[in-house]
């Protein structure tokens, strides 16, 4: 039986992972759960799964949770960054699902790998910010990082049974988000509520906005570069509105292997936990006769400059991807709180990147310093725009 820690249990990925665990009680056990601020949902999850430990973002929330759990559970409740890191390295677990949102997932993921835990990765920001450091540590610890993102799971599945040296390129697919056909001049009036309505996927708030700007595909391209040891010229991106082909791998002889399925995160989560098996889920089958047709197009870099900024960041290298990511998180947060407009998201990121003097980070601490600099710099620009 796999004993699993979920970092980000109250998010969309974490909740789906718990559904997989609940459907396979002879295979998996949730031994630790980490959440942000959603104490109500975490309380219910603890009541159902009775983990050894749990963690929340602040001590006041931990105190509230301990009070509510009294008489219901013996779960130890931790708090803050230190609590997340301790939970990630918990001896009781052998596998960690990294599904925290944004840069907050980097240090706990690093600590889990350092502790020798098997890793199922949904937090793409970990690879965006510190891909080289994370992959070097995983190699040193002899740890496999199994992807949960549907695109990276598709690539991983399409690589099985093939010689790695025969790979020519990978093709990441993107739905195009809710505004793929919207004229640029209309995007200035996009509201957060409208941007959160993804046409195909049910996702968290941050990733939904990243999908609307196509930043998510830039982050995924960087993650693919590190996960699969690719050069950036081996990674192509196609807009595929039907979200049926989750990504493809092309080989030297021209063969293209694609992984297909309905757009539901249960599939990649299940495969990451059951690899190399494909265990039964309760998902409906993919019925291509009902889909009708599959279409593809190149992404519009003019209308979606966030994608270009992400690719520029990895081309620059060093600390720049961490700075780009930190600026993006501030931009998305500011847009969701109606402090900036939709088209100001890429402008804010670009201005922050232009102000940064990139350096080569020598560890996680240096990465977090670059992230902190980016957040402070972008935050000042948000204040300037609002004044």
Protein backbone atom coordinates (compact mmCIF):
# COMPACT_ATOMS: atom_id res chain seq x y z
CA UNK A 1 0.00 0.00 0.00
CA UNK A 2 1.28 3.46 -0.92
CA UNK A 3 1.23 5.89 1.99
CA UNK A 4 0.63 9.33 0.52
CA UNK A 5 1.13 12.93 1.59
CA UNK A 6 -0.84 15.52 -0.38
CA UNK A 7 0.58 19.03 -0.48
CA UNK A 8 -2.43 21.13 -1.49
CA UNK A 9 -5.23 18.75 -0.50
CA UNK A 10 -8.02 21.35 -0.69
CA UNK A 11 -7.24 22.48 -4.25
CA UNK A 12 -8.70 20.91 -7.39
CA UNK A 13 -5.78 18.49 -7.86
CA UNK A 14 -5.67 17.57 -4.18
CA UNK A 15 -9.41 16.92 -4.04
CA UNK A 16 -9.21 14.73 -7.16
CA UNK A 17 -6.25 12.86 -5.67
CA UNK A 18 -8.30 12.11 -2.56
CA UNK A 19 -11.07 10.78 -4.81
CA UNK A 20 -8.54 8.39 -6.38
CA UNK A 21 -7.33 7.31 -2.94
CA UNK A 22 -10.89 6.80 -1.67
CA UNK A 23 -11.74 4.68 -4.74
CA UNK A 24 -8.72 2.43 -4.15
CA UNK A 25 -8.56 1.81 -0.36
CA UNK A 26 -6.52 -1.38 -0.79
CA UNK A 27 -3.88 0.47 -2.82
CA UNK A 28 -3.49 3.89 -1.21
CA UNK A 29 -3.69 5.62 2.16
CA UNK A 30 -3.61 9.37 2.82
CA UNK A 31 -1.26 9.83 5.78
CA UNK A 32 -0.77 13.62 5.66
CA UNK A 33 -2.65 16.60 4.20
CA UNK A 34 -1.43 20.16 3.69
CA UNK A 35 -3.74 23.05 2.81
CA UNK A 36 -3.57 26.82 2.62
CA UNK A 37 -6.42 28.65 4.36
CA UNK A 38 -9.43 26.41 3.68
CA UNK A 39 -9.86 25.07 7.21
CA UNK A 40 -13.47 23.99 6.62
CA UNK A 41 -12.65 21.64 3.75
CA UNK A 42 -9.46 20.39 5.42
CA UNK A 43 -11.46 19.55 8.55
CA UNK A 44 -13.82 17.40 6.47
CA UNK A 45 -10.90 15.71 4.71
CA UNK A 46 -9.24 14.92 8.05
CA UNK A 47 -12.52 13.57 9.41
CA UNK A 48 -12.84 11.19 6.46
CA UNK A 49 -9.21 10.12 5.94
CA UNK A 50 -7.82 10.42 9.50
CA UNK A 51 -4.25 11.31 8.48
CA UNK A 52 -1.34 11.23 10.89
CA UNK A 53 -0.65 14.94 10.35
CA UNK A 54 -1.98 18.03 8.59
CA UNK A 55 -0.70 21.55 7.98
CA UNK A 56 -2.17 24.98 7.25
CA UNK A 57 -0.60 28.28 6.26
CA UNK A 58 -0.85 30.14 9.61
CA UNK A 59 -0.72 29.29 13.30
CA UNK A 60 -4.06 30.99 14.04
CA UNK A 61 -5.71 28.69 11.50
CA UNK A 62 -3.90 25.71 13.00
CA UNK A 63 -5.24 26.65 16.45
CA UNK A 64 -8.77 26.86 15.07
CA UNK A 65 -8.40 23.48 13.36
CA UNK A 66 -7.00 21.81 16.49
CA UNK A 67 -10.02 23.06 18.42
CA UNK A 68 -12.46 21.68 15.88
CA UNK A 69 -10.67 18.33 15.68
CA UNK A 70 -10.67 17.77 19.43
CA UNK A 71 -12.63 14.59 20.06
CA UNK A 72 -12.83 13.81 16.33
CA UNK A 73 -9.24 13.04 15.35
CA UNK A 74 -5.73 12.58 16.75
CA UNK A 75 -4.23 14.24 13.67
CA UNK A 76 -1.25 16.45 14.53
CA UNK A 77 -1.70 19.95 13.09
CA UNK A 78 1.34 21.94 11.91
CA UNK A 79 1.52 25.44 10.47
CA UNK A 80 3.45 27.81 8.21
CA UNK A 81 6.36 27.16 5.85
CA UNK A 82 8.17 25.17 8.54
CA UNK A 83 5.09 23.01 9.03
CA UNK A 84 4.73 22.39 5.29
CA UNK A 85 8.40 21.38 5.03
CA UNK A 86 8.09 19.04 8.02
CA UNK A 87 4.94 17.47 6.60
CA UNK A 88 6.62 16.95 3.21
CA UNK A 89 9.41 14.93 4.83
CA UNK A 90 7.11 12.97 7.16
CA UNK A 91 8.51 9.51 7.83
CA UNK A 92 5.07 7.87 7.67
CA UNK A 93 4.73 8.64 3.93
CA UNK A 94 6.55 7.06 1.00
CA UNK A 95 4.95 9.16 -1.77
CA UNK A 96 4.24 12.89 -1.93
CA UNK A 97 1.77 14.56 -4.28
CA UNK A 98 2.98 18.13 -4.83
CA UNK A 99 -0.13 20.13 -5.70
CA UNK A 100 0.28 23.40 -3.80
CA UNK A 101 -0.40 26.49 -5.88
CA UNK A 102 2.48 28.59 -7.16
CA UNK A 103 5.90 29.21 -5.68
CA UNK A 104 4.72 28.12 -2.23
CA UNK A 105 5.13 24.52 -3.39
CA UNK A 106 8.86 24.77 -4.16
CA UNK A 107 10.40 24.35 -0.70
CA UNK A 108 8.06 21.54 0.47
CA UNK A 109 8.69 19.67 -2.80
CA UNK A 110 12.44 20.13 -2.38
CA UNK A 111 12.23 18.85 1.20
CA UNK A 112 10.21 15.80 0.13
CA UNK A 113 12.77 14.84 -2.51
CA UNK A 114 15.61 15.49 -0.07
CA UNK A 115 13.89 13.06 2.33
CA UNK A 116 13.79 10.40 -0.40
CA UNK A 117 10.06 10.43 -1.05
CA UNK A 118 8.57 9.29 -4.34
CA UNK A 119 7.23 12.37 -6.10
CA UNK A 120 4.02 12.89 -8.08
CA UNK A 121 4.34 16.46 -9.35
CA UNK A 122 1.49 18.83 -10.17
CA UNK A 123 3.21 22.02 -9.02
CA UNK A 124 4.83 23.16 -12.27
CA UNK A 125 6.28 26.28 -10.61
CA UNK A 126 8.78 24.04 -8.83
CA UNK A 127 10.34 23.14 -12.18
CA UNK A 128 9.96 26.63 -13.62
CA UNK A 129 11.85 28.21 -10.74
CA UNK A 130 14.42 25.54 -9.91
CA UNK A 131 14.27 22.77 -12.52
CA UNK A 132 18.02 22.15 -12.65
CA UNK A 133 18.36 22.04 -8.85
CA UNK A 134 15.34 19.76 -8.42
CA UNK A 135 16.38 17.30 -11.13
CA UNK A 136 19.94 17.14 -9.82
CA UNK A 137 18.65 16.38 -6.32
CA UNK A 138 16.21 13.75 -7.61
CA UNK A 139 19.05 12.04 -9.49
CA UNK A 140 21.25 12.13 -6.39
CA UNK A 141 18.46 10.62 -4.28
CA UNK A 142 17.51 8.12 -7.02
CA UNK A 143 13.97 9.51 -7.01
CA UNK A 144 11.60 9.36 -9.97
CA UNK A 145 9.43 12.44 -10.50
CA UNK A 146 6.16 11.32 -12.07
CA UNK A 147 4.14 14.13 -13.68
CA UNK A 148 0.51 14.85 -12.85
CA UNK A 149 -0.09 17.72 -15.29
CA UNK A 150 -2.15 16.20 -18.10
CA UNK A 151 0.30 17.39 -20.76
CA UNK A 152 3.38 16.02 -19.04
CA UNK A 153 1.60 12.80 -18.16
CA UNK A 154 0.74 12.46 -21.87
CA UNK A 155 4.40 12.93 -22.82
CA UNK A 156 5.50 10.49 -20.14
CA UNK A 157 3.02 7.87 -21.35
CA UNK A 158 4.01 8.44 -24.99
CA UNK A 159 7.66 7.79 -24.10
CA UNK A 160 6.99 4.35 -22.63
CA UNK A 161 8.49 1.50 -24.65
CA UNK A 162 10.54 3.78 -26.92
CA UNK A 163 14.26 4.49 -27.02
CA UNK A 164 14.92 7.90 -25.52
CA UNK A 165 17.58 8.71 -28.13
CA UNK A 166 14.96 8.24 -30.88
CA UNK A 167 12.92 11.22 -29.65
CA UNK A 168 12.79 14.15 -32.04
CA UNK A 169 10.43 16.59 -30.32
CA UNK A 170 7.42 16.87 -28.01
CA UNK A 171 4.24 18.72 -28.90
CA UNK A 172 2.37 20.33 -26.00
CA UNK A 173 -1.30 20.96 -26.68
CA UNK A 174 -3.25 23.91 -25.30
CA UNK A 175 -7.00 24.47 -25.25
CA UNK A 176 -6.40 28.13 -26.06
CA UNK A 177 -8.44 29.18 -23.04
CA UNK A 178 -11.69 31.15 -23.08
CA UNK A 179 -10.36 34.01 -25.24
CA UNK A 180 -8.60 32.21 -28.08
CA UNK A 181 -10.87 33.87 -30.68
CA UNK A 182 -11.37 37.20 -28.92
CA UNK A 183 -9.99 40.28 -30.72
CA UNK A 184 -7.13 41.92 -28.83
CA UNK A 185 -8.97 45.22 -28.42
CA UNK A 186 -11.79 43.47 -26.54
CA UNK A 187 -9.44 41.81 -24.04
CA UNK A 188 -8.92 45.06 -22.13
CA UNK A 189 -12.48 44.68 -20.79
CA UNK A 190 -12.14 41.06 -19.65
CA UNK A 191 -13.31 40.58 -16.04
CA UNK A 192 -11.94 38.03 -13.54
CA UNK A 193 -15.29 36.20 -13.53
CA UNK A 194 -15.14 35.78 -17.29
CA UNK A 195 -11.48 34.73 -17.29
CA UNK A 196 -12.17 32.04 -14.68
CA UNK A 197 -14.65 30.24 -16.96
CA UNK A 198 -12.43 27.72 -18.73
CA UNK A 199 -14.20 26.00 -21.65
CA UNK A 200 -12.93 22.46 -20.94
CA UNK A 201 -11.25 22.06 -17.55
CA UNK A 202 -12.37 22.55 -13.95
CA UNK A 203 -9.30 24.15 -12.33
CA UNK A 204 -8.21 26.45 -9.53
CA UNK A 205 -8.32 30.24 -9.83
CA UNK A 206 -4.63 30.86 -10.48
CA UNK A 207 -4.21 28.19 -13.15
CA UNK A 208 -7.47 29.27 -14.81
CA UNK A 209 -6.09 32.79 -15.31
CA UNK A 210 -2.76 31.36 -16.50
CA UNK A 211 -4.72 29.33 -19.05
CA UNK A 212 -6.60 32.43 -20.20
CA UNK A 213 -3.31 34.31 -20.81
CA UNK A 214 -1.52 31.18 -22.17
CA UNK A 215 1.12 31.69 -19.47
CA UNK A 216 0.25 28.18 -18.31
CA UNK A 217 1.58 26.76 -21.57
CA UNK A 218 4.82 28.68 -21.16
CA UNK A 219 5.23 27.29 -17.65
CA UNK A 220 4.52 23.81 -18.98
CA UNK A 221 7.12 24.18 -21.73
CA UNK A 222 9.75 25.06 -19.12
CA UNK A 223 8.64 22.14 -16.93
CA UNK A 224 8.88 19.76 -19.91
CA UNK A 225 12.40 21.01 -20.65
CA UNK A 226 13.57 19.85 -17.20
CA UNK A 227 11.39 16.78 -16.66
CA UNK A 228 12.36 15.16 -19.95
CA UNK A 229 15.85 16.63 -20.41
CA UNK A 230 14.95 18.47 -23.61
CA UNK A 231 16.32 21.51 -25.36
CA UNK A 232 13.73 24.24 -25.93
CA UNK A 233 13.92 23.75 -29.70
CA UNK A 234 12.58 20.22 -29.12
CA UNK A 235 9.34 21.62 -27.66
CA UNK A 236 6.49 22.84 -29.85
CA UNK A 237 3.06 24.13 -28.80
CA UNK A 238 -0.23 23.71 -30.64
CA UNK A 239 -3.65 25.09 -29.75
CA UNK A 240 -6.11 22.18 -29.67
CA UNK A 241 -9.53 23.48 -28.52
CA UNK A 242 -11.12 20.05 -28.06
CA UNK A 243 -8.61 19.08 -25.30
CA UNK A 244 -8.74 15.42 -26.35
CA UNK A 245 -5.08 14.94 -27.32
CA UNK A 246 -3.20 15.93 -24.18
CA UNK A 247 0.24 16.02 -25.85
CA UNK A 248 2.35 14.13 -28.38
CA UNK A 249 5.87 12.82 -28.93
CA UNK A 250 7.45 12.72 -32.38
CA UNK A 251 10.25 10.25 -33.11
CA UNK A 252 13.10 10.35 -35.61
CA UNK A 253 11.27 8.16 -38.13
CA UNK A 254 8.28 10.52 -38.25
CA UNK A 255 6.07 8.47 -35.95
CA UNK A 256 3.94 10.59 -33.63
CA UNK A 257 2.58 8.98 -30.47
CA UNK A 258 -0.32 10.80 -28.79
CA UNK A 259 -2.11 10.23 -25.49
CA UNK A 260 -5.83 10.92 -25.66
CA UNK A 261 -8.67 11.01 -23.17
CA UNK A 262 -11.49 13.11 -21.80
CA UNK A 263 -10.32 16.32 -20.05
CA UNK A 264 -10.33 15.11 -16.44
CA UNK A 265 -7.39 15.20 -14.01
CA UNK A 266 -8.36 11.84 -12.49
CA UNK A 267 -6.53 10.09 -15.35
CA UNK A 268 -3.05 11.62 -14.91
CA UNK A 269 -3.34 11.52 -11.10
CA UNK A 270 -4.27 7.84 -11.22
CA UNK A 271 -1.40 7.00 -13.57
CA UNK A 272 1.16 8.86 -11.46
CA UNK A 273 0.10 6.83 -8.42
CA UNK A 274 -0.30 3.46 -10.15
CA UNK A 275 2.60 3.63 -12.65
CA UNK A 276 3.39 1.49 -14.59
CA UNK A 277 -0.20 0.21 -14.34
CA UNK A 278 -3.35 1.79 -15.74
CA UNK A 279 -5.92 1.03 -13.03
CA UNK A 280 -9.66 1.31 -13.49
CA UNK A 281 -11.36 4.64 -12.84
CA UNK A 282 -15.03 5.59 -12.95
CA UNK A 283 -14.53 8.11 -15.75
CA UNK A 284 -16.76 7.91 -18.84
CA UNK A 285 -15.06 6.68 -22.01
CA UNK A 286 -13.73 8.97 -24.71
CA UNK A 287 -16.22 8.82 -27.60
CA UNK A 288 -14.50 10.26 -30.63
CA UNK A 289 -17.64 9.87 -32.74
CA UNK A 290 -19.27 12.45 -30.45
CA UNK A 291 -16.24 14.77 -30.49
CA UNK A 292 -16.49 14.74 -34.28
CA UNK A 293 -13.27 16.50 -35.23
CA UNK A 294 -9.92 17.44 -33.74
CA UNK A 295 -8.42 20.79 -34.74
CA UNK A 296 -5.01 22.39 -34.26
CA UNK A 297 -3.47 25.82 -34.73
CA UNK A 298 -0.35 27.73 -33.74
CA UNK A 299 -0.65 29.99 -30.68
CA UNK A 300 -0.98 33.72 -31.38
CA UNK A 301 2.04 35.24 -29.64
CA UNK A 302 0.83 38.81 -30.31
CA UNK A 303 -2.52 38.36 -28.59
CA UNK A 304 -1.01 36.19 -25.84
CA UNK A 305 2.38 37.73 -24.97
CA UNK A 306 2.64 35.84 -21.66
CA UNK A 307 3.65 32.75 -23.61
CA UNK A 308 6.48 34.67 -25.29
CA UNK A 309 7.61 36.06 -21.92
CA UNK A 310 7.86 32.56 -20.42
CA UNK A 311 9.89 31.30 -23.38
CA UNK A 312 12.12 34.39 -23.15
CA UNK A 313 12.68 33.70 -19.45
CA UNK A 314 13.94 30.15 -20.00
CA UNK A 315 16.08 31.32 -22.93
CA UNK A 316 17.72 33.88 -20.61
CA UNK A 317 18.04 31.25 -17.89
CA UNK A 318 19.52 31.61 -14.44
CA UNK A 319 17.23 33.48 -12.05
CA UNK A 320 14.98 34.88 -14.80
CA UNK A 321 12.36 32.06 -14.82
CA UNK A 322 11.89 32.49 -11.06
CA UNK A 323 11.49 36.26 -11.53
CA UNK A 324 9.03 35.76 -14.39
CA UNK A 325 7.02 33.33 -12.27
CA UNK A 326 6.97 35.59 -9.22
CA UNK A 327 5.88 38.57 -11.28
CA UNK A 328 3.16 36.48 -12.90
CA UNK A 329 1.80 35.39 -9.53
CA UNK A 330 1.58 39.01 -8.38
CA UNK A 331 -0.02 40.02 -11.70
CA UNK A 332 -2.64 37.25 -11.51
CA UNK A 333 -3.41 38.04 -7.88
CA UNK A 334 -3.75 41.74 -8.73
CA UNK A 335 -6.04 41.01 -11.68
CA UNK A 336 -8.27 38.75 -9.58
CA UNK A 337 -8.59 41.52 -6.98
CA UNK A 338 -9.47 44.06 -9.73
CA UNK A 339 -6.31 46.12 -9.17
CA UNK A 340 -5.08 45.74 -12.77
CA UNK A 341 -6.70 44.88 -16.09
CA UNK A 342 -6.32 41.66 -18.05
CA UNK A 343 -3.92 43.17 -20.61
CA UNK A 344 -1.81 44.64 -17.82
CA UNK A 345 -0.82 41.14 -16.69
CA UNK A 346 1.84 40.64 -19.41
CA UNK A 347 2.89 44.30 -19.19
CA UNK A 348 3.58 43.93 -15.46
CA UNK A 349 5.57 40.74 -15.99
CA UNK A 350 7.63 42.23 -18.80
CA UNK A 351 8.46 45.36 -16.82
CA UNK A 352 9.64 43.24 -13.88
CA UNK A 353 11.76 41.03 -16.12
CA UNK A 354 13.31 44.05 -17.82
CA UNK A 355 14.33 45.45 -14.42
CA UNK A 356 16.05 42.22 -13.35
CA UNK A 357 19.77 41.53 -13.63
CA UNK A 358 19.80 37.72 -13.95
CA UNK A 359 22.26 35.61 -11.99
CA UNK A 360 23.03 31.90 -11.63
CA UNK A 361 21.34 30.61 -8.43
CA UNK A 362 23.48 28.29 -6.31
CA UNK A 363 20.59 26.83 -4.29
CA UNK A 364 16.95 27.06 -3.25
CA UNK A 365 17.65 30.06 -1.01
CA UNK A 366 18.91 32.08 -3.99
CA UNK A 367 15.85 31.06 -6.00
CA UNK A 368 13.56 32.28 -3.22
CA UNK A 369 15.48 35.56 -3.04
CA UNK A 370 14.87 36.09 -6.77
CA UNK A 371 11.20 35.26 -6.24
CA UNK A 372 10.97 37.74 -3.36
CA UNK A 373 12.65 40.46 -5.44
CA UNK A 374 10.21 39.87 -8.28
CA UNK A 375 7.19 40.08 -5.99
CA UNK A 376 8.36 43.30 -4.37
CA UNK A 377 9.20 44.86 -7.73
CA UNK A 378 5.92 43.84 -9.35
CA UNK A 379 3.99 44.91 -6.24
CA UNK A 380 5.47 48.40 -6.42
CA UNK A 381 4.41 48.64 -10.06
CA UNK A 382 0.86 47.59 -9.15
CA UNK A 383 0.78 50.34 -6.54
CA UNK A 384 2.04 52.85 -9.11
CA UNK A 385 -0.64 51.82 -11.59
CA UNK A 386 -3.32 52.24 -8.94
CA UNK A 387 -2.19 55.65 -7.76
